[in-house]
Amino acid sequence: MLDDKDIQKLIEVFATRDEVATKQDIEELKKDFSNLQTSVDSYAKKADTYFQEMVMLAHKVDKLEKWIHQIAEKVGIKLEQ
């Protein structure tokens, strides 16, 4: 997830209303917006990867739990669910 360093980078990219009103160079504003898009895209990629890993981990845990129940049944141990 985002740590303090990532959040600080996002805050630095945002411009206040006063800053936008005083900027003479529209190219600088476009650059700032591009940096913001890059930051958001980077976060979205990290979040997507994290969620994919969580899905895979859940499948792995389910498989292991199934195996444990099968082993317990074969050795005659009753597990509570």
PDB file of N, CA and C in Angstrom:
ATOM      1  N   MET A   1       0.840  -1.178   0.000  1.00  0.00           N
ATOM      2  CA  MET A   1       0.000   0.000   0.000  1.00  0.00           C
ATOM      3  C   MET A   1       0.888   1.247   0.000  1.00  0.00           C
ATOM      4  N   LEU A   2       0.274   2.378   0.126  1.00  0.00           N
ATOM      5  CA  LEU A   2       1.020   3.631   0.139  1.00  0.00           C
ATOM      6  C   LEU A   2       1.680   3.858   1.490  1.00  0.00           C
ATOM      7  N   ASP A   3       2.928   4.263   1.438  1.00  0.00           N
ATOM      8  CA  ASP A   3       3.577   4.655   2.679  1.00  0.00           C
ATOM      9  C   ASP A   3       3.653   6.181   2.720  1.00  0.00           C
ATOM     10  N   ASP A   4       4.210   6.715   3.781  1.00  0.00           N
ATOM     11  CA  ASP A   4       4.267   8.170   3.957  1.00  0.00           C
ATOM     12  C   ASP A   4       5.033   8.849   2.828  1.00  0.00           C
ATOM     13  N   LYS A   5       6.062   8.186   2.342  1.00  0.00           N
ATOM     14  CA  LYS A   5       6.869   8.762   1.264  1.00  0.00           C
ATOM     15  C   LYS A   5       6.041   8.913  -0.019  1.00  0.00           C
ATOM     16  N   ASP A   6       5.247   7.881  -0.357  1.00  0.00           N
ATOM     17  CA  ASP A   6       4.388   7.940  -1.541  1.00  0.00           C
ATOM     18  C   ASP A   6       3.335   9.033  -1.409  1.00  0.00           C
ATOM     19  N   ILE A   7       2.753   9.151  -0.229  1.00  0.00           N
ATOM     20  CA  ILE A   7       1.727  10.173   0.003  1.00  0.00           C
ATOM     21  C   ILE A   7       2.336  11.563  -0.136  1.00  0.00           C
ATOM     22  N   GLN A   8       3.547  11.749   0.392  1.00  0.00           N
ATOM     23  CA  GLN A   8       4.207  13.049   0.278  1.00  0.00           C
ATOM     24  C   GLN A   8       4.463  13.400  -1.182  1.00  0.00           C
ATOM     25  N   LYS A   9       4.850  12.408  -1.995  1.00  0.00           N
ATOM     26  CA  LYS A   9       5.059  12.656  -3.420  1.00  0.00           C
ATOM     27  C   LYS A   9       3.764  13.104  -4.088  1.00  0.00           C
ATOM     28  N   LEU A  10       2.644  12.475  -3.728  1.00  0.00           N
ATOM     29  CA  LEU A  10       1.357  12.868  -4.294  1.00  0.00           C
ATOM     30  C   LEU A  10       0.987  14.291  -3.890  1.00  0.00           C
ATOM     31  N   ILE A  11       1.217  14.638  -2.639  1.00  0.00           N
ATOM     32  CA  ILE A  11       0.883  15.977  -2.150  1.00  0.00           C
ATOM     33  C   ILE A  11       1.703  17.032  -2.892  1.00  0.00           C
ATOM     34  N   GLU A  12       2.973  16.724  -3.160  1.00  0.00           N
ATOM     35  CA  GLU A  12       3.840  17.679  -3.852  1.00  0.00           C
ATOM     36  C   GLU A  12       3.367  17.943  -5.278  1.00  0.00           C
ATOM     37  N   VAL A  13       2.693  16.995  -5.896  1.00  0.00           N
ATOM     38  CA  VAL A  13       2.242  17.140  -7.277  1.00  0.00           C
ATOM     39  C   VAL A  13       1.003  18.021  -7.358  1.00  0.00           C
ATOM     40  N   PHE A  14       0.131  17.975  -6.363  1.00  0.00           N
ATOM     41  CA  PHE A  14      -1.099  18.760  -6.390  1.00  0.00           C
ATOM     42  C   PHE A  14      -0.786  20.255  -6.330  1.00  0.00           C
ATOM     43  N   ALA A  15      -1.531  21.010  -7.097  1.00  0.00           N
ATOM     44  CA  ALA A  15      -1.395  22.470  -7.089  1.00  0.00           C
ATOM     45  C   ALA A  15      -2.619  23.073  -6.404  1.00  0.00           C
ATOM     46  N   THR A  16      -2.391  24.152  -5.671  1.00  0.00           N
ATOM     47  CA  THR A  16      -3.508  24.850  -5.045  1.00  0.00           C
ATOM     48  C   THR A  16      -4.166  25.765  -6.078  1.00  0.00           C
ATOM     49  N   ARG A  17      -5.342  26.307  -5.757  1.00  0.00           N
ATOM     50  CA  ARG A  17      -6.024  27.212  -6.677  1.00  0.00           C
ATOM     51  C   ARG A  17      -5.176  28.441  -6.978  1.00  0.00           C
ATOM     52  N   ASP A  18      -4.514  28.961  -5.950  1.00  0.00           N
ATOM     53  CA  ASP A  18      -3.663  30.140  -6.144  1.00  0.00           C
ATOM     54  C   ASP A  18      -2.506  29.844  -7.096  1.00  0.00           C
ATOM     55  N   GLU A  19      -1.910  28.665  -6.934  1.00  0.00           N
ATOM     56  CA  GLU A  19      -0.800  28.295  -7.811  1.00  0.00           C
ATOM     57  C   GLU A  19      -1.258  28.155  -9.252  1.00  0.00           C
ATOM     58  N   VAL A  20      -2.433  27.576  -9.449  1.00  0.00           N
ATOM     59  CA  VAL A  20      -2.969  27.425 -10.800  1.00  0.00           C
ATOM     60  C   VAL A  20      -3.265  28.796 -11.399  1.00  0.00           C
ATOM     61  N   ALA A  21      -3.823  29.715 -10.615  1.00  0.00           N
ATOM     62  CA  ALA A  21      -4.179  31.044 -11.100  1.00  0.00           C
ATOM     63  C   ALA A  21      -2.941  31.859 -11.469  1.00  0.00           C
ATOM     64  N   THR A  22      -1.815  31.623 -10.797  1.00  0.00           N
ATOM     65  CA  THR A  22      -0.620  32.424 -11.061  1.00  0.00           C
ATOM     66  C   THR A  22       0.323  31.785 -12.064  1.00  0.00           C
ATOM     67  N   LYS A  23       0.105  30.569 -12.454  1.00  0.00           N
ATOM     68  CA  LYS A  23       1.006  29.928 -13.408  1.00  0.00           C
ATOM     69  C   LYS A  23       0.809  30.546 -14.786  1.00  0.00           C
ATOM     70  N   GLN A  24       1.897  31.052 -15.334  1.00  0.00           N
ATOM     71  CA  GLN A  24       1.855  31.661 -16.655  1.00  0.00           C
ATOM     72  C   GLN A  24       2.082  30.620 -17.741  1.00  0.00           C
ATOM     73  N   ASP A  25       2.789  29.591 -17.398  1.00  0.00           N
ATOM     74  CA  ASP A  25       3.172  28.612 -18.404  1.00  0.00           C
ATOM     75  C   ASP A  25       2.253  27.394 -18.332  1.00  0.00           C
ATOM     76  N   ILE A  26       1.401  27.242 -19.326  1.00  0.00           N
ATOM     77  CA  ILE A  26       0.459  26.113 -19.352  1.00  0.00           C
ATOM     78  C   ILE A  26       1.195  24.787 -19.475  1.00  0.00           C
ATOM     79  N   GLU A  27       2.382  24.813 -20.059  1.00  0.00           N
ATOM     80  CA  GLU A  27       3.172  23.582 -20.195  1.00  0.00           C
ATOM     81  C   GLU A  27       3.582  23.047 -18.828  1.00  0.00           C
ATOM     82  N   GLU A  28       3.872  23.933 -17.913  1.00  0.00           N
ATOM     83  CA  GLU A  28       4.239  23.505 -16.564  1.00  0.00           C
ATOM     84  C   GLU A  28       3.041  22.838 -15.874  1.00  0.00           C
ATOM     85  N   LEU A  29       1.870  23.386 -16.099  1.00  0.00           N
ATOM     86  CA  LEU A  29       0.650  22.799 -15.540  1.00  0.00           C
ATOM     87  C   LEU A  29       0.394  21.418 -16.142  1.00  0.00           C
ATOM     88  N   LYS A  30       0.612  21.287 -17.441  1.00  0.00           N
ATOM     89  CA  LYS A  30       0.448  19.986 -18.104  1.00  0.00           C
ATOM     90  C   LYS A  30       1.445  18.972 -17.544  1.00  0.00           C
ATOM     91  N   LYS A  31       2.670  19.443 -17.291  1.00  0.00           N
ATOM     92  CA  LYS A  31       3.686  18.553 -16.732  1.00  0.00           C
ATOM     93  C   LYS A  31       3.277  18.077 -15.344  1.00  0.00           C
ATOM     94  N   ASP A  32       2.758  19.004 -14.528  1.00  0.00           N
ATOM     95  CA  ASP A  32       2.295  18.634 -13.190  1.00  0.00           C
ATOM     96  C   ASP A  32       1.169  17.605 -13.265  1.00  0.00           C
ATOM     97  N   PHE A  33       0.246  17.818 -14.198  1.00  0.00           N
ATOM     98  CA  PHE A  33      -0.865  16.877 -14.357  1.00  0.00           C
ATOM     99  C   PHE A  33      -0.363  15.519 -14.817  1.00  0.00           C
ATOM    100  N   SER A  34       0.602  15.536 -15.718  1.00  0.00           N
ATOM    101  CA  SER A  34       1.193  14.280 -16.194  1.00  0.00           C
ATOM    102  C   SER A  34       1.854  13.528 -15.043  1.00  0.00           C
ATOM    103  N   ASN A  35       2.550  14.267 -14.174  1.00  0.00           N
ATOM    104  CA  ASN A  35       3.183  13.640 -13.006  1.00  0.00           C
ATOM    105  C   ASN A  35       2.131  13.022 -12.089  1.00  0.00           C
ATOM    106  N   LEU A  36       1.015  13.713 -11.931  1.00  0.00           N
ATOM    107  CA  LEU A  36      -0.063  13.183 -11.102  1.00  0.00           C
ATOM    108  C   LEU A  36      -0.635  11.905 -11.714  1.00  0.00           C
ATOM    109  N   GLN A  37      -0.845  11.925 -13.016  1.00  0.00           N
ATOM    110  CA  GLN A  37      -1.345  10.722 -13.694  1.00  0.00           C
ATOM    111  C   GLN A  37      -0.384   9.556 -13.506  1.00  0.00           C
ATOM    112  N   THR A  38       0.905   9.832 -13.623  1.00  0.00           N
ATOM    113  CA  THR A  38       1.913   8.790 -13.448  1.00  0.00           C
ATOM    114  C   THR A  38       1.848   8.211 -12.035  1.00  0.00           C
ATOM    115  N   SER A  39       1.683   9.089 -11.048  1.00  0.00           N
ATOM    116  CA  SER A  39       1.593   8.633  -9.659  1.00  0.00           C
ATOM    117  C   SER A  39       0.361   7.768  -9.437  1.00  0.00           C
ATOM    118  N   VAL A  40      -0.765   8.197  -9.982  1.00  0.00           N
ATOM    119  CA  VAL A  40      -2.011   7.432  -9.826  1.00  0.00           C
ATOM    120  C   VAL A  40      -1.903   6.097 -10.545  1.00  0.00           C
ATOM    121  N   ASP A  41      -1.333   6.099 -11.751  1.00  0.00           N
ATOM    122  CA  ASP A  41      -1.158   4.852 -12.485  1.00  0.00           C
ATOM    123  C   ASP A  41      -0.249   3.891 -11.735  1.00  0.00           C
ATOM    124  N   SER A  42       0.814   4.426 -11.141  1.00  0.00           N
ATOM    125  CA  SER A  42       1.735   3.601 -10.368  1.00  0.00           C
ATOM    126  C   SER A  42       1.026   2.968  -9.174  1.00  0.00           C
ATOM    127  N   TYR A  43       0.226   3.764  -8.474  1.00  0.00           N
ATOM    128  CA  TYR A  43      -0.522   3.235  -7.337  1.00  0.00           C
ATOM    129  C   TYR A  43      -1.529   2.180  -7.789  1.00  0.00           C
ATOM    130  N   ALA A  44      -2.222   2.440  -8.899  1.00  0.00           N
ATOM    131  CA  ALA A  44      -3.216   1.490  -9.400  1.00  0.00           C
ATOM    132  C   ALA A  44      -2.554   0.160  -9.752  1.00  0.00           C
ATOM    133  N   LYS A  45      -1.367   0.210 -10.344  1.00  0.00           N
ATOM    134  CA  LYS A  45      -0.660  -1.026 -10.683  1.00  0.00           C
ATOM    135  C   LYS A  45      -0.288  -1.796  -9.418  1.00  0.00           C
ATOM    136  N   LYS A  46       0.210  -1.067  -8.397  1.00  0.00           N
ATOM    137  CA  LYS A  46       0.557  -1.729  -7.137  1.00  0.00           C
ATOM    138  C   LYS A  46      -0.676  -2.352  -6.486  1.00  0.00           C
ATOM    139  N   ALA A  47      -1.791  -1.625  -6.517  1.00  0.00           N
ATOM    140  CA  ALA A  47      -3.022  -2.142  -5.915  1.00  0.00           C
ATOM    141  C   ALA A  47      -3.507  -3.369  -6.662  1.00  0.00           C
ATOM    142  N   ASP A  48      -3.450  -3.340  -7.991  1.00  0.00           N
ATOM    143  CA  ASP A  48      -3.893  -4.477  -8.794  1.00  0.00           C
ATOM    144  C   ASP A  48      -3.037  -5.704  -8.502  1.00  0.00           C
ATOM    145  N   THR A  49      -1.737  -5.514  -8.432  1.00  0.00           N
ATOM    146  CA  THR A  49      -0.827  -6.621  -8.111  1.00  0.00           C
ATOM    147  C   THR A  49      -1.136  -7.184  -6.729  1.00  0.00           C
ATOM    148  N   TYR A  50      -1.367  -6.303  -5.771  1.00  0.00           N
ATOM    149  CA  TYR A  50      -1.686  -6.734  -4.409  1.00  0.00           C
ATOM    150  C   TYR A  50      -2.962  -7.578  -4.382  1.00  0.00           C
ATOM    151  N   PHE A  51      -4.008  -7.110  -5.057  1.00  0.00           N
ATOM    152  CA  PHE A  51      -5.269  -7.842  -5.056  1.00  0.00           C
ATOM    153  C   PHE A  51      -5.127  -9.195  -5.753  1.00  0.00           C
ATOM    154  N   GLN A  52      -4.346  -9.252  -6.828  1.00  0.00           N
ATOM    155  CA  GLN A  52      -4.105 -10.534  -7.496  1.00  0.00           C
ATOM    156  C   GLN A  52      -3.374 -11.497  -6.568  1.00  0.00           C
ATOM    157  N   GLU A  53      -2.396 -10.980  -5.825  1.00  0.00           N
ATOM    158  CA  GLU A  53      -1.669 -11.823  -4.872  1.00  0.00           C
ATOM    159  C   GLU A  53      -2.598 -12.334  -3.772  1.00  0.00           C
ATOM    160  N   MET A  54      -3.514 -11.509  -3.313  1.00  0.00           N
ATOM    161  CA  MET A  54      -4.449 -11.922  -2.267  1.00  0.00           C
ATOM    162  C   MET A  54      -5.385 -13.026  -2.773  1.00  0.00           C
ATOM    163  N   VAL A  55      -5.814 -12.929  -4.024  1.00  0.00           N
ATOM    164  CA  VAL A  55      -6.673 -13.972  -4.600  1.00  0.00           C
ATOM    165  C   VAL A  55      -5.902 -15.289  -4.675  1.00  0.00           C
ATOM    166  N   MET A  56      -4.663 -15.225  -5.133  1.00  0.00           N
ATOM    167  CA  MET A  56      -3.853 -16.441  -5.223  1.00  0.00           C
ATOM    168  C   MET A  56      -3.591 -17.029  -3.835  1.00  0.00           C
ATOM    169  N   LEU A  57      -3.341 -16.177  -2.863  1.00  0.00           N
ATOM    170  CA  LEU A  57      -3.112 -16.651  -1.501  1.00  0.00           C
ATOM    171  C   LEU A  57      -4.365 -17.323  -0.939  1.00  0.00           C
ATOM    172  N   ALA A  58      -5.531 -16.758  -1.217  1.00  0.00           N
ATOM    173  CA  ALA A  58      -6.778 -17.350  -0.739  1.00  0.00           C
ATOM    174  C   ALA A  58      -6.975 -18.735  -1.345  1.00  0.00           C
ATOM    175  N   HIS A  59      -6.673 -18.887  -2.636  1.00  0.00           N
ATOM    176  CA  HIS A  59      -6.796 -20.200  -3.276  1.00  0.00           C
ATOM    177  C   HIS A  59      -5.828 -21.202  -2.650  1.00  0.00           C
ATOM    178  N   LYS A  60      -4.630 -20.738  -2.359  1.00  0.00           N
ATOM    179  CA  LYS A  60      -3.628 -21.620  -1.759  1.00  0.00           C
ATOM    180  C   LYS A  60      -4.075 -22.075  -0.371  1.00  0.00           C
ATOM    181  N   VAL A  61      -4.590 -21.165   0.427  1.00  0.00           N
ATOM    182  CA  VAL A  61      -5.063 -21.500   1.771  1.00  0.00           C
ATOM    183  C   VAL A  61      -6.231 -22.483   1.688  1.00  0.00           C
ATOM    184  N   ASP A  62      -7.151 -22.261   0.757  1.00  0.00           N
ATOM    185  CA  ASP A  62      -8.278 -23.182   0.586  1.00  0.00           C
ATOM    186  C   ASP A  62      -7.799 -24.587   0.235  1.00  0.00           C
ATOM    187  N   LYS A  63      -6.812 -24.658  -0.657  1.00  0.00           N
ATOM    188  CA  LYS A  63      -6.279 -25.963  -1.059  1.00  0.00           C
ATOM    189  C   LYS A  63      -5.624 -26.668   0.132  1.00  0.00           C
ATOM    190  N   LEU A  64      -4.830 -25.926   0.900  1.00  0.00           N
ATOM    191  CA  LEU A  64      -4.171 -26.517   2.063  1.00  0.00           C
ATOM    192  C   LEU A  64      -5.181 -26.968   3.112  1.00  0.00           C
ATOM    193  N   GLU A  65      -6.218 -26.173   3.306  1.00  0.00           N
ATOM    194  CA  GLU A  65      -7.261 -26.536   4.271  1.00  0.00           C
ATOM    195  C   GLU A  65      -7.967 -27.827   3.830  1.00  0.00           C
ATOM    196  N   LYS A  66      -8.224 -27.960   2.547  1.00  0.00           N
ATOM    197  CA  LYS A  66      -8.862 -29.165   2.026  1.00  0.00           C
ATOM    198  C   LYS A  66      -7.970 -30.380   2.283  1.00  0.00           C
ATOM    199  N   TRP A  67      -6.665 -30.225   2.026  1.00  0.00           N
ATOM    200  CA  TRP A  67      -5.739 -31.326   2.255  1.00  0.00           C
ATOM    201  C   TRP A  67      -5.691 -31.719   3.729  1.00  0.00           C
ATOM    202  N   ILE A  68      -5.705 -30.745   4.610  1.00  0.00           N
ATOM    203  CA  ILE A  68      -5.677 -31.029   6.049  1.00  0.00           C
ATOM    204  C   ILE A  68      -6.903 -31.835   6.455  1.00  0.00           C
ATOM    205  N   HIS A  69      -8.064 -31.461   5.943  1.00  0.00           N
ATOM    206  CA  HIS A  69      -9.286 -32.193   6.263  1.00  0.00           C
ATOM    207  C   HIS A  69      -9.242 -33.616   5.697  1.00  0.00           C
ATOM    208  N   GLN A  70      -8.689 -33.775   4.502  1.00  0.00           N
ATOM    209  CA  GLN A  70      -8.573 -35.113   3.921  1.00  0.00           C
ATOM    210  C   GLN A  70      -7.629 -35.989   4.746  1.00  0.00           C
ATOM    211  N   ILE A  71      -6.521 -35.423   5.175  1.00  0.00           N
ATOM    212  CA  ILE A  71      -5.559 -36.177   5.994  1.00  0.00           C
ATOM    213  C   ILE A  71      -6.193 -36.536   7.338  1.00  0.00           C
ATOM    214  N   ALA A  72      -6.877 -35.578   7.953  1.00  0.00           N
ATOM    215  CA  ALA A  72      -7.518 -35.836   9.244  1.00  0.00           C
ATOM    216  C   ALA A  72      -8.550 -36.941   9.119  1.00  0.00           C
ATOM    217  N   GLU A  73      -9.298 -36.938   8.027  1.00  0.00           N
ATOM    218  CA  GLU A  73     -10.323 -37.972   7.820  1.00  0.00           C
ATOM    219  C   GLU A  73      -9.669 -39.349   7.686  1.00  0.00           C
ATOM    220  N   LYS A  74      -8.537 -39.423   6.968  1.00  0.00           N
ATOM    221  CA  LYS A  74      -7.862 -40.705   6.757  1.00  0.00           C
ATOM    222  C   LYS A  74      -7.242 -41.265   8.035  1.00  0.00           C
ATOM    223  N   VAL A  75      -6.782 -40.393   8.932  1.00  0.00           N
ATOM    224  CA  VAL A  75      -6.184 -40.874  10.175  1.00  0.00           C
ATOM    225  C   VAL A  75      -7.196 -40.947  11.296  1.00  0.00           C
ATOM    226  N   GLY A  76      -8.444 -40.588  11.031  1.00  0.00           N
ATOM    227  CA  GLY A  76      -9.499 -40.748  12.005  1.00  0.00           C
ATOM    228  C   GLY A  76      -9.630 -39.611  12.988  1.00  0.00           C
ATOM    229  N   ILE A  77      -9.169 -38.443  12.651  1.00  0.00           N
ATOM    230  CA  ILE A  77      -9.306 -37.290  13.541  1.00  0.00           C
ATOM    231  C   ILE A  77     -10.444 -36.420  13.016  1.00  0.00           C
ATOM    232  N   LYS A  78     -11.337 -36.049  13.921  1.00  0.00           N
ATOM    233  CA  LYS A  78     -12.452 -35.205  13.511  1.00  0.00           C
ATOM    234  C   LYS A  78     -12.082 -33.730  13.790  1.00  0.00           C
ATOM    235  N   LEU A  79     -12.129 -32.956  12.725  1.00  0.00           N
ATOM    236  CA  LEU A  79     -11.829 -31.527  12.852  1.00  0.00           C
ATOM    237  C   LEU A  79     -13.136 -30.745  12.833  1.00  0.00           C
ATOM    238  N   GLU A  80     -13.197 -29.741  13.697  1.00  0.00           N
ATOM    239  CA  GLU A  80     -14.379 -28.877  13.702  1.00  0.00           C
ATOM    240  C   GLU A  80     -14.201 -27.806  12.645  1.00  0.00           C
ATOM    241  N   GLN A  81     -15.303 -27.489  11.978  1.00  0.00           N
ATOM    242  CA  GLN A  81     -15.200 -26.472  10.918  1.00  0.00           C
ATOM    243  C   GLN A  81     -15.814 -25.180  11.333  1.00  0.00           C
TER     244      GLN A  81
END
